[in-house]
Amino acid sequence: MADYSPLFTFVVEHGYYDDGLAHGLSFVPTNSTAHIIKNTGLLVKPITGGICVLLNKKDRESLQLYAADKDEPFVLVFKVYAARSDFKSRTDVSVESEDSIPCFYNGNRDDADGGRVRLHDQDYVSMIDLIRLDSNQLEGVLDHRERRLPPLLIANIQINEEALVAVDDDADMAPKQYYVRLRERQVFWKYYLVGRMARENLFLVDVDSRAEFVCSGRELLDGQRETIAFRTIQRLSLKESPQYRFQLKEKDNGSEKVIIKRLPVADETHFGREVIDGRSEVVSEIYINC
């Protein structure tokens, strides 16, 4: 019976999701990595947000031969794809590029986070983690089609002899836990009061005083329906379960009355654009029609 032990884990964290882990990803080994996995008896097990690579202790010797090769490093390469089309809508677009892709390598990074190893320098994946799609580093990783329609990111995990020692029965070291962290998308939120809600004496407030709104006055939707619009002054994060508590209130003879106790929140399905401070910005559009 096979005796498997974890060699390392690799996960993609994401600020949008409640559990902090990216969902709906697939991890595809390159052809050479798939060949190594088959020859060494490694097992790649999917976990939430990532993969766990396990070794069969009976096949340790073949792994040690790969790890001891000084001329050709023992590297497992995985291409990470987003299965859902809305994944990118939930993700910070400031690191998107038509000719580059985030690429990570564990190299000599230290266990600086309680035994976990972050594979980038900034708090989140950033522009400095990108390499060009026509780079020689991606030779044998991406084919011609994948260079035109690339994956979300690429992870290169080198296995050395120390990593193999870490899974020995008597070893005192824990298997490596590698991760990258994607930031959630941040956009302006814009509320449109439609129909009977389009009244001049209504206004929006944040119960927790974390966000502020500016009223842009009356606007026409589709050139026909008249609305009153309110937009946040600052960009706000898109979250799976947003914690913002926005209320719609009415001014009436010097007093205030709550019309809607908790307004719906922004999502990644209704985006528009608006010029804000001279720049074209993405706004998440939310319609209130009661």
C-alpha atoms as a PDB file:
ATOM      1  CA  MET A   1       0.000   0.000   0.000  1.00  0.00           C
ATOM      2  CA  ALA A   2       1.360   3.436  -0.967  1.00  0.00           C
ATOM      3  CA  ASP A   3       2.588   5.617   1.879  1.00  0.00           C
ATOM      4  CA  TYR A   4       2.165   9.257   0.827  1.00  0.00           C
ATOM      5  CA  SER A   5       3.410  12.351   2.635  1.00  0.00           C
ATOM      6  CA  PRO A   6       2.987  16.027   1.680  1.00  0.00           C
ATOM      7  CA  LEU A   7       5.991  17.435  -0.176  1.00  0.00           C
ATOM      8  CA  PHE A   8       4.636  20.982  -0.555  1.00  0.00           C
ATOM      9  CA  THR A   9       1.431  22.938  -1.030  1.00  0.00           C
ATOM     10  CA  PHE A  10       0.843  25.855  -3.354  1.00  0.00           C
ATOM     11  CA  VAL A  11      -2.244  28.048  -2.980  1.00  0.00           C
ATOM     12  CA  VAL A  12      -3.593  31.225  -4.510  1.00  0.00           C
ATOM     13  CA  GLU A  13      -5.088  33.562  -1.943  1.00  0.00           C
ATOM     14  CA  HIS A  14      -7.669  36.137  -3.007  1.00  0.00           C
ATOM     15  CA  GLY A  15      -9.119  39.116  -1.154  1.00  0.00           C
ATOM     16  CA  TYR A  16     -12.576  38.765  -2.700  1.00  0.00           C
ATOM     17  CA  TYR A  17     -13.482  35.423  -1.123  1.00  0.00           C
ATOM     18  CA  ASP A  18     -14.651  35.030   2.460  1.00  0.00           C
ATOM     19  CA  ASP A  19     -12.122  32.290   3.221  1.00  0.00           C
ATOM     20  CA  GLY A  20      -9.285  34.263   1.607  1.00  0.00           C
ATOM     21  CA  LEU A  21      -8.653  31.554  -1.000  1.00  0.00           C
ATOM     22  CA  ALA A  22      -9.237  31.735  -4.735  1.00  0.00           C
ATOM     23  CA  HIS A  23     -12.026  29.486  -6.004  1.00  0.00           C
ATOM     24  CA  GLY A  24     -12.604  27.899  -9.396  1.00  0.00           C
ATOM     25  CA  LEU A  25      -8.957  27.487 -10.402  1.00  0.00           C
ATOM     26  CA  SER A  26      -7.334  24.610 -12.238  1.00  0.00           C
ATOM     27  CA  PHE A  27      -3.644  23.741 -11.999  1.00  0.00           C
ATOM     28  CA  VAL A  28      -2.199  22.196 -15.138  1.00  0.00           C
ATOM     29  CA  PRO A  29       1.355  20.791 -15.160  1.00  0.00           C
ATOM     30  CA  THR A  30       3.531  21.385 -18.205  1.00  0.00           C
ATOM     31  CA  ASN A  31       4.329  18.338 -20.314  1.00  0.00           C
ATOM     32  CA  SER A  32       7.769  17.948 -18.746  1.00  0.00           C
ATOM     33  CA  THR A  33       6.302  18.309 -15.241  1.00  0.00           C
ATOM     34  CA  ALA A  34       3.607  15.730 -16.018  1.00  0.00           C
ATOM     35  CA  HIS A  35       6.384  13.379 -17.168  1.00  0.00           C
ATOM     36  CA  ILE A  36       8.302  13.882 -13.903  1.00  0.00           C
ATOM     37  CA  ILE A  37       5.151  13.349 -11.836  1.00  0.00           C
ATOM     38  CA  LYS A  38       4.531  10.048 -13.597  1.00  0.00           C
ATOM     39  CA  ASN A  39       8.136   8.841 -13.294  1.00  0.00           C
ATOM     40  CA  THR A  40       8.509   9.694  -9.619  1.00  0.00           C
ATOM     41  CA  GLY A  41       5.108   8.555  -8.366  1.00  0.00           C
ATOM     42  CA  LEU A  42       4.151  12.028  -7.163  1.00  0.00           C
ATOM     43  CA  LEU A  43       0.497  12.688  -6.463  1.00  0.00           C
ATOM     44  CA  VAL A  44      -1.088  16.090  -7.110  1.00  0.00           C
ATOM     45  CA  LYS A  45      -4.145  16.555  -4.930  1.00  0.00           C
ATOM     46  CA  PRO A  46      -6.492  19.543  -5.386  1.00  0.00           C
ATOM     47  CA  ILE A  47      -7.208  21.602  -2.280  1.00  0.00           C
ATOM     48  CA  THR A  48      -9.207  24.799  -1.858  1.00  0.00           C
ATOM     49  CA  GLY A  49      -7.348  27.500  -3.741  1.00  0.00           C
ATOM     50  CA  GLY A  50      -4.471  25.294  -4.773  1.00  0.00           C
ATOM     51  CA  ILE A  51      -2.766  21.935  -4.839  1.00  0.00           C
ATOM     52  CA  CYS A  52      -0.937  19.644  -2.450  1.00  0.00           C
ATOM     53  CA  VAL A  53       1.889  17.606  -3.982  1.00  0.00           C
ATOM     54  CA  LEU A  54       2.560  14.345  -2.158  1.00  0.00           C
ATOM     55  CA  LEU A  55       5.360  11.839  -2.550  1.00  0.00           C
ATOM     56  CA  ASN A  56       5.247   8.108  -2.189  1.00  0.00           C
ATOM     57  CA  LYS A  57       8.010   7.266   0.274  1.00  0.00           C
ATOM     58  CA  LYS A  58       8.779   4.121  -1.715  1.00  0.00           C
ATOM     59  CA  ASP A  59       9.718   6.340  -4.669  1.00  0.00           C
ATOM     60  CA  ARG A  60      11.971   8.661  -2.661  1.00  0.00           C
ATOM     61  CA  GLU A  61      15.120   7.401  -4.385  1.00  0.00           C
ATOM     62  CA  SER A  62      13.985   8.507  -7.848  1.00  0.00           C
ATOM     63  CA  LEU A  63      13.106  11.927  -6.439  1.00  0.00           C
ATOM     64  CA  GLN A  64      16.534  12.230  -4.843  1.00  0.00           C
ATOM     65  CA  LEU A  65      18.162  11.538  -8.209  1.00  0.00           C
ATOM     66  CA  TYR A  66      16.222  14.418  -9.758  1.00  0.00           C
ATOM     67  CA  ALA A  67      17.012  16.742  -6.827  1.00  0.00           C
ATOM     68  CA  ALA A  68      20.740  15.853  -6.873  1.00  0.00           C
ATOM     69  CA  ASP A  69      21.163  16.797 -10.553  1.00  0.00           C
ATOM     70  CA  LYS A  70      23.329  19.936 -10.503  1.00  0.00           C
ATOM     71  CA  ASP A  71      23.000  20.562 -14.243  1.00  0.00           C
ATOM     72  CA  GLU A  72      19.217  20.544 -14.457  1.00  0.00           C
ATOM     73  CA  PRO A  73      17.235  21.826 -11.435  1.00  0.00           C
ATOM     74  CA  PHE A  74      14.272  19.733 -10.329  1.00  0.00           C
ATOM     75  CA  VAL A  75      11.408  22.158 -11.013  1.00  0.00           C
ATOM     76  CA  LEU A  76       7.689  21.463 -11.177  1.00  0.00           C
ATOM     77  CA  VAL A  77       5.845  23.999 -13.326  1.00  0.00           C
ATOM     78  CA  PHE A  78       2.084  24.577 -13.120  1.00  0.00           C
ATOM     79  CA  LYS A  79      -0.103  26.793 -15.265  1.00  0.00           C
ATOM     80  CA  VAL A  80      -3.032  28.185 -13.299  1.00  0.00           C
ATOM     81  CA  TYR A  81      -6.327  28.821 -15.077  1.00  0.00           C
ATOM     82  CA  ALA A  82      -9.535  30.467 -13.896  1.00  0.00           C
ATOM     83  CA  ALA A  83     -12.501  28.255 -14.727  1.00  0.00           C
ATOM     84  CA  ARG A  84     -15.075  31.046 -14.290  1.00  0.00           C
ATOM     85  CA  SER A  85     -15.237  34.061 -16.582  1.00  0.00           C
ATOM     86  CA  ASP A  86     -16.134  36.353 -13.671  1.00  0.00           C
ATOM     87  CA  PHE A  87     -12.909  35.556 -11.800  1.00  0.00           C
ATOM     88  CA  LYS A  88     -11.045  38.413 -13.496  1.00  0.00           C
ATOM     89  CA  SER A  89     -13.936  40.775 -12.771  1.00  0.00           C
ATOM     90  CA  ARG A  90     -13.340  40.092  -9.063  1.00  0.00           C
ATOM     91  CA  THR A  91      -9.589  40.605  -9.297  1.00  0.00           C
ATOM     92  CA  ASP A  92      -7.426  43.725  -9.247  1.00  0.00           C
ATOM     93  CA  VAL A  93      -6.963  44.657 -12.893  1.00  0.00           C
ATOM     94  CA  SER A  94      -3.923  46.883 -12.305  1.00  0.00           C
ATOM     95  CA  VAL A  95      -1.635  43.883 -12.901  1.00  0.00           C
ATOM     96  CA  GLU A  96      -3.290  42.844 -16.158  1.00  0.00           C
ATOM     97  CA  SER A  97      -1.186  43.100 -19.299  1.00  0.00           C
ATOM     98  CA  GLU A  98      -1.754  41.972 -22.864  1.00  0.00           C
ATOM     99  CA  ASP A  99       1.874  40.945 -23.396  1.00  0.00           C
ATOM    100  CA  SER A 100       2.928  39.742 -19.927  1.00  0.00           C
ATOM    101  CA  ILE A 101       1.941  37.199 -17.271  1.00  0.00           C
ATOM    102  CA  PRO A 102       2.603  36.786 -13.524  1.00  0.00           C
ATOM    103  CA  CYS A 103       5.286  34.163 -13.065  1.00  0.00           C
ATOM    104  CA  PHE A 104       6.577  32.920  -9.697  1.00  0.00           C
ATOM    105  CA  TYR A 105       9.586  30.936  -8.552  1.00  0.00           C
ATOM    106  CA  ASN A 106      10.298  29.765  -5.032  1.00  0.00           C
ATOM    107  CA  GLY A 107      14.069  30.223  -5.441  1.00  0.00           C
ATOM    108  CA  ASN A 108      15.739  31.135  -2.160  1.00  0.00           C
ATOM    109  CA  ARG A 109      12.726  32.680  -0.444  1.00  0.00           C
ATOM    110  CA  ASP A 110      12.672  32.277   3.327  1.00  0.00           C
ATOM    111  CA  ASP A 111       9.895  31.057   5.607  1.00  0.00           C
ATOM    112  CA  ALA A 112       9.005  34.559   6.737  1.00  0.00           C
ATOM    113  CA  ASP A 113       5.354  33.926   7.521  1.00  0.00           C
ATOM    114  CA  GLY A 114       5.115  31.169  10.103  1.00  0.00           C
ATOM    115  CA  GLY A 115       6.463  28.479   7.818  1.00  0.00           C
ATOM    116  CA  ARG A 116       4.555  29.822   4.816  1.00  0.00           C
ATOM    117  CA  VAL A 117       6.484  31.221   1.861  1.00  0.00           C
ATOM    118  CA  ARG A 118       5.080  34.099  -0.192  1.00  0.00           C
ATOM    119  CA  LEU A 119       6.365  34.023  -3.743  1.00  0.00           C
ATOM    120  CA  HIS A 120       6.296  37.784  -4.369  1.00  0.00           C
ATOM    121  CA  ASP A 121       7.807  40.849  -2.706  1.00  0.00           C
ATOM    122  CA  GLN A 122       4.773  43.116  -2.347  1.00  0.00           C
ATOM    123  CA  ASP A 123       1.728  42.324  -0.196  1.00  0.00           C
ATOM    124  CA  TYR A 124      -0.141  41.361  -3.346  1.00  0.00           C
ATOM    125  CA  VAL A 125       0.830  40.229  -6.824  1.00  0.00           C
ATOM    126  CA  SER A 126       2.051  43.341  -8.640  1.00  0.00           C
ATOM    127  CA  MET A 127       3.522  44.523 -11.923  1.00  0.00           C
ATOM    128  CA  ILE A 128       7.030  43.528 -10.844  1.00  0.00           C
ATOM    129  CA  ASP A 129       5.916  39.870 -10.919  1.00  0.00           C
ATOM    130  CA  LEU A 130       5.154  39.975 -14.653  1.00  0.00           C
ATOM    131  CA  ILE A 131       7.328  38.573 -17.405  1.00  0.00           C
ATOM    132  CA  ARG A 132       6.759  38.992 -21.124  1.00  0.00           C
ATOM    133  CA  LEU A 133       4.884  36.260 -22.936  1.00  0.00           C
ATOM    134  CA  ASP A 134       7.641  36.103 -25.552  1.00  0.00           C
ATOM    135  CA  SER A 135      10.323  35.582 -22.887  1.00  0.00           C
ATOM    136  CA  ASN A 136      12.709  32.660 -23.341  1.00  0.00           C
ATOM    137  CA  GLN A 137      11.838  31.677 -19.767  1.00  0.00           C
ATOM    138  CA  LEU A 138       8.474  30.455 -21.038  1.00  0.00           C
ATOM    139  CA  GLU A 139       9.945  28.216 -23.707  1.00  0.00           C
ATOM    140  CA  GLY A 140       8.416  24.786 -23.199  1.00  0.00           C
ATOM    141  CA  VAL A 141       5.896  26.230 -20.751  1.00  0.00           C
ATOM    142  CA  LEU A 142       3.445  27.986 -23.068  1.00  0.00           C
ATOM    143  CA  ASP A 143       2.743  26.909 -26.596  1.00  0.00           C
ATOM    144  CA  HIS A 144       1.802  29.294 -29.422  1.00  0.00           C
ATOM    145  CA  ARG A 145      -1.900  29.204 -28.556  1.00  0.00           C
ATOM    146  CA  GLU A 146      -1.274  29.760 -24.848  1.00  0.00           C
ATOM    147  CA  ARG A 147       0.857  32.804 -25.593  1.00  0.00           C
ATOM    148  CA  ARG A 148      -2.190  34.350 -27.256  1.00  0.00           C
ATOM    149  CA  LEU A 149      -4.647  33.127 -24.601  1.00  0.00           C
ATOM    150  CA  PRO A 150      -2.432  32.756 -21.535  1.00  0.00           C
ATOM    151  CA  PRO A 151      -3.315  31.266 -18.153  1.00  0.00           C
ATOM    152  CA  LEU A 152      -3.872  33.390 -15.075  1.00  0.00           C
ATOM    153  CA  LEU A 153      -0.359  32.796 -13.732  1.00  0.00           C
ATOM    154  CA  ILE A 154       2.546  30.354 -13.703  1.00  0.00           C
ATOM    155  CA  ALA A 155       4.195  28.760 -10.670  1.00  0.00           C
ATOM    156  CA  ASN A 156       7.680  27.238 -10.733  1.00  0.00           C
ATOM    157  CA  ILE A 157       8.453  25.158  -7.646  1.00  0.00           C
ATOM    158  CA  GLN A 158      11.992  23.825  -7.349  1.00  0.00           C
ATOM    159  CA  ILE A 159      12.494  20.710  -5.229  1.00  0.00           C
ATOM    160  CA  ASN A 160      15.879  20.307  -3.574  1.00  0.00           C
ATOM    161  CA  GLU A 161      17.326  17.649  -1.322  1.00  0.00           C
ATOM    162  CA  GLU A 162      16.463  19.682   1.772  1.00  0.00           C
ATOM    163  CA  ALA A 163      12.772  19.598   0.809  1.00  0.00           C
ATOM    164  CA  LEU A 164      12.919  15.822   0.573  1.00  0.00           C
ATOM    165  CA  VAL A 165      14.589  15.562   3.964  1.00  0.00           C
ATOM    166  CA  ALA A 166      11.704  17.586   5.399  1.00  0.00           C
ATOM    167  CA  VAL A 167       9.286  14.725   4.797  1.00  0.00           C
ATOM    168  CA  ASP A 168      11.477  12.041   6.383  1.00  0.00           C
ATOM    169  CA  ASP A 169       9.820  10.225   9.257  1.00  0.00           C
ATOM    170  CA  ASP A 170      12.299  11.626  11.762  1.00  0.00           C
ATOM    171  CA  ALA A 171      12.683  15.078  10.264  1.00  0.00           C
ATOM    172  CA  ASP A 172      11.846  18.121  12.359  1.00  0.00           C
ATOM    173  CA  MET A 173      10.900  20.333   9.396  1.00  0.00           C
ATOM    174  CA  ALA A 174       7.395  20.785   8.001  1.00  0.00           C
ATOM    175  CA  PRO A 175       6.701  20.594   4.266  1.00  0.00           C
ATOM    176  CA  LYS A 176       6.847  23.943   2.465  1.00  0.00           C
ATOM    177  CA  GLN A 177       3.670  25.967   2.056  1.00  0.00           C
ATOM    178  CA  TYR A 178       3.963  28.329  -0.904  1.00  0.00           C
ATOM    179  CA  TYR A 179       1.387  30.960  -1.767  1.00  0.00           C
ATOM    180  CA  VAL A 180       0.637  34.019  -3.870  1.00  0.00           C
ATOM    181  CA  ARG A 181      -1.978  36.611  -2.973  1.00  0.00           C
ATOM    182  CA  LEU A 182      -4.277  38.358  -5.449  1.00  0.00           C
ATOM    183  CA  ARG A 183      -5.983  41.557  -4.448  1.00  0.00           C
ATOM    184  CA  GLU A 184      -9.729  41.979  -4.877  1.00  0.00           C
ATOM    185  CA  ARG A 185     -10.954  44.511  -7.411  1.00  0.00           C
ATOM    186  CA  GLN A 186     -11.663  48.012  -6.137  1.00  0.00           C
ATOM    187  CA  VAL A 187     -14.083  50.264  -7.980  1.00  0.00           C
ATOM    188  CA  PHE A 188     -16.388  53.215  -7.409  1.00  0.00           C
ATOM    189  CA  TRP A 189     -19.904  52.222  -6.386  1.00  0.00           C
ATOM    190  CA  LYS A 190     -22.786  54.110  -7.995  1.00  0.00           C
ATOM    191  CA  TYR A 191     -26.404  53.905  -6.917  1.00  0.00           C
ATOM    192  CA  TYR A 192     -29.221  54.910  -9.270  1.00  0.00           C
ATOM    193  CA  LEU A 193     -32.569  55.777  -7.675  1.00  0.00           C
ATOM    194  CA  VAL A 194     -35.199  54.891 -10.261  1.00  0.00           C
ATOM    195  CA  GLY A 195     -38.938  55.428 -10.523  1.00  0.00           C
ATOM    196  CA  ARG A 196     -40.619  56.619  -7.303  1.00  0.00           C
ATOM    197  CA  MET A 197     -37.186  56.563  -5.630  1.00  0.00           C
ATOM    198  CA  ALA A 198     -35.907  59.410  -7.828  1.00  0.00           C
ATOM    199  CA  ARG A 199     -36.749  62.088  -5.290  1.00  0.00           C
ATOM    200  CA  GLU A 200     -34.635  65.114  -4.421  1.00  0.00           C
ATOM    201  CA  ASN A 201     -34.991  64.674  -0.649  1.00  0.00           C
ATOM    202  CA  LEU A 202     -33.365  61.224  -0.527  1.00  0.00           C
ATOM    203  CA  PHE A 203     -29.724  60.637   0.372  1.00  0.00           C
ATOM    204  CA  LEU A 204     -27.301  57.784   1.164  1.00  0.00           C
ATOM    205  CA  VAL A 205     -25.279  57.235   4.332  1.00  0.00           C
ATOM    206  CA  ASP A 206     -22.785  54.671   5.558  1.00  0.00           C
ATOM    207  CA  VAL A 207     -23.853  53.502   9.018  1.00  0.00           C
ATOM    208  CA  ASP A 208     -20.210  52.795   9.891  1.00  0.00           C
ATOM    209  CA  SER A 209     -18.873  56.070   8.407  1.00  0.00           C
ATOM    210  CA  ARG A 210     -16.286  54.307   6.247  1.00  0.00           C
ATOM    211  CA  ALA A 211     -17.534  55.533   2.872  1.00  0.00           C
ATOM    212  CA  GLU A 212     -18.863  58.856   1.633  1.00  0.00           C
ATOM    213  CA  PHE A 213     -21.178  59.634  -1.246  1.00  0.00           C
ATOM    214  CA  VAL A 214     -21.506  62.465  -3.700  1.00  0.00           C
ATOM    215  CA  CYS A 215     -24.784  63.144  -5.479  1.00  0.00           C
ATOM    216  CA  SER A 216     -24.353  63.639  -9.211  1.00  0.00           C
ATOM    217  CA  GLY A 217     -27.923  64.848  -9.565  1.00  0.00           C
ATOM    218  CA  ARG A 218     -30.449  63.776 -12.141  1.00  0.00           C
ATOM    219  CA  GLU A 219     -29.316  61.489 -14.966  1.00  0.00           C
ATOM    220  CA  LEU A 220     -31.067  59.746 -17.840  1.00  0.00           C
ATOM    221  CA  LEU A 221     -30.780  55.981 -18.246  1.00  0.00           C
ATOM    222  CA  ASP A 222     -30.949  54.819 -21.847  1.00  0.00           C
ATOM    223  CA  GLY A 223     -31.777  58.399 -22.710  1.00  0.00           C
ATOM    224  CA  GLN A 224     -35.269  57.972 -21.262  1.00  0.00           C
ATOM    225  CA  ARG A 225     -35.650  56.987 -17.606  1.00  0.00           C
ATOM    226  CA  GLU A 226     -34.817  59.752 -15.190  1.00  0.00           C
ATOM    227  CA  THR A 227     -32.819  58.844 -12.083  1.00  0.00           C
ATOM    228  CA  ILE A 228     -30.981  60.465  -9.212  1.00  0.00           C
ATOM    229  CA  ALA A 229     -27.473  59.051  -8.816  1.00  0.00           C
ATOM    230  CA  PHE A 230     -25.084  58.775  -5.866  1.00  0.00           C
ATOM    231  CA  ARG A 231     -21.450  57.652  -6.178  1.00  0.00           C
ATOM    232  CA  THR A 232     -18.863  56.799  -3.557  1.00  0.00           C
ATOM    233  CA  ILE A 233     -16.045  59.326  -3.277  1.00  0.00           C
ATOM    234  CA  GLN A 234     -13.474  56.540  -2.939  1.00  0.00           C
ATOM    235  CA  ARG A 235     -13.018  53.138  -4.545  1.00  0.00           C
ATOM    236  CA  LEU A 236     -14.425  50.273  -2.485  1.00  0.00           C
ATOM    237  CA  SER A 237     -13.510  46.591  -2.557  1.00  0.00           C
ATOM    238  CA  LEU A 238     -15.667  43.963  -4.172  1.00  0.00           C
ATOM    239  CA  LYS A 239     -16.196  41.182  -1.648  1.00  0.00           C
ATOM    240  CA  GLU A 240     -18.059  37.887  -1.603  1.00  0.00           C
ATOM    241  CA  SER A 241     -19.838  39.069   1.568  1.00  0.00           C
ATOM    242  CA  PRO A 242     -19.400  42.849   1.818  1.00  0.00           C
ATOM    243  CA  GLN A 243     -19.631  44.293   5.296  1.00  0.00           C
ATOM    244  CA  TYR A 244     -20.760  47.770   4.248  1.00  0.00           C
ATOM    245  CA  ARG A 245     -24.067  48.967   5.685  1.00  0.00           C
ATOM    246  CA  PHE A 246     -25.465  51.663   3.431  1.00  0.00           C
ATOM    247  CA  GLN A 247     -28.874  53.173   4.082  1.00  0.00           C
ATOM    248  CA  LEU A 248     -31.249  55.247   2.008  1.00  0.00           C
ATOM    249  CA  LYS A 249     -32.745  58.078   4.000  1.00  0.00           C
ATOM    250  CA  GLU A 250     -35.277  60.821   3.440  1.00  0.00           C
ATOM    251  CA  LYS A 251     -35.221  64.383   4.714  1.00  0.00           C
ATOM    252  CA  ASP A 252     -38.670  65.499   5.833  1.00  0.00           C
ATOM    253  CA  ASN A 253     -39.340  68.768   7.668  1.00  0.00           C
ATOM    254  CA  GLY A 254     -35.926  68.842   9.321  1.00  0.00           C
ATOM    255  CA  SER A 255     -35.979  65.179  10.385  1.00  0.00           C
ATOM    256  CA  GLU A 256     -34.509  62.075   8.771  1.00  0.00           C
ATOM    257  CA  LYS A 257     -36.347  58.857   8.008  1.00  0.00           C
ATOM    258  CA  VAL A 258     -34.829  55.541   6.956  1.00  0.00           C
ATOM    259  CA  ILE A 259     -36.395  54.363   3.672  1.00  0.00           C
ATOM    260  CA  ILE A 260     -34.199  51.317   3.047  1.00  0.00           C
ATOM    261  CA  LYS A 261     -32.376  49.953   6.091  1.00  0.00           C
ATOM    262  CA  ARG A 262     -29.691  48.079   4.134  1.00  0.00           C
ATOM    263  CA  LEU A 263     -29.015  48.774   0.471  1.00  0.00           C
ATOM    264  CA  PRO A 264     -27.825  46.059  -1.909  1.00  0.00           C
ATOM    265  CA  VAL A 265     -24.083  45.978  -2.498  1.00  0.00           C
ATOM    266  CA  ALA A 266     -21.921  46.064  -5.597  1.00  0.00           C
ATOM    267  CA  ASP A 267     -21.050  42.928  -7.523  1.00  0.00           C
ATOM    268  CA  GLU A 268     -18.935  42.063 -10.538  1.00  0.00           C
ATOM    269  CA  THR A 269     -21.796  41.830 -13.043  1.00  0.00           C
ATOM    270  CA  HIS A 270     -22.797  45.457 -13.628  1.00  0.00           C
ATOM    271  CA  PHE A 271     -19.916  47.706 -14.578  1.00  0.00           C
ATOM    272  CA  GLY A 272     -19.970  51.038 -16.339  1.00  0.00           C
ATOM    273  CA  ARG A 273     -17.481  53.823 -16.911  1.00  0.00           C
ATOM    274  CA  GLU A 274     -17.466  57.419 -15.786  1.00  0.00           C
ATOM    275  CA  VAL A 275     -15.006  60.292 -15.972  1.00  0.00           C
ATOM    276  CA  ILE A 276     -13.899  61.066 -12.411  1.00  0.00           C
ATOM    277  CA  ASP A 277     -11.305  63.768 -11.760  1.00  0.00           C
ATOM    278  CA  GLY A 278     -10.431  63.779 -15.439  1.00  0.00           C
ATOM    279  CA  ARG A 279      -9.906  60.015 -15.709  1.00  0.00           C
ATOM    280  CA  SER A 280     -12.110  57.280 -17.123  1.00  0.00           C
ATOM    281  CA  GLU A 281     -12.938  55.023 -14.180  1.00  0.00           C
ATOM    282  CA  VAL A 282     -14.889  51.785 -13.717  1.00  0.00           C
ATOM    283  CA  VAL A 283     -18.030  52.095 -11.615  1.00  0.00           C
ATOM    284  CA  SER A 284     -20.173  49.287 -10.271  1.00  0.00           C
ATOM    285  CA  GLU A 285     -23.781  50.201 -11.020  1.00  0.00           C
ATOM    286  CA  ILE A 286     -26.569  49.390  -8.540  1.00  0.00           C
ATOM    287  CA  TYR A 287     -30.222  50.190  -9.263  1.00  0.00           C
ATOM    288  CA  ILE A 288     -32.822  50.960  -6.602  1.00  0.00           C
ATOM    289  CA  ASN A 289     -36.396  50.832  -7.844  1.00  0.00           C
ATOM    290  CA  CYS A 290     -39.185  50.394  -5.310  1.00  0.00           C
END
